[in-house]
């Protein structure tokens, strides 16, 4: 059974779900608390809203700090990758290696996972990322440095704001 909790960040109210194997999803702020909760409940019907165990509490604290401008790669957050395809796992591992405040292109990630020319497949894998911020798909940009394809609530505006909070973009770029 999955469990989840809500928490406040500089970006807004987020949610995190977990199983005994690790964090199984992160929900970025929706238009309201119900929408954010709905992201988790749609993925894990029957999930129960409870206080987090210490490891998840530590993950929440790290996410809050990251959105407050304190660099953290969230490498200590254990993920439950049950049901995640092998290619996606490789892409997620490559994305997790991008330090806060830095970006890479979809093509660079494709090359990193040994699949040159698979930039679109990398984009699809990141588009189905259930762990946004922990798997920092927002740090992946088009080859020309432009922002493309962010499936979390708020779309590209959220991606732009997350990058600015991490110092990867000047704050003026998201106003």
Foldseek 3Di string as FASTA:
>chain_A
DKAKEWDAAPQGIKMWIADPQFTAFIAGDAPDPVVRVVVVCVVPPPYYYDDDDPLVVVLRVVLRVQLQQDWDLLPSGGYDCVPPDPVLVLLLVLQSPATQLAAEELQVSCVVSVRHPCSVVSLVSLQPDRYDPNSPPLRYDHPVRHHDDDNHHPTPLSSVSSNCSSNNDPPVVND
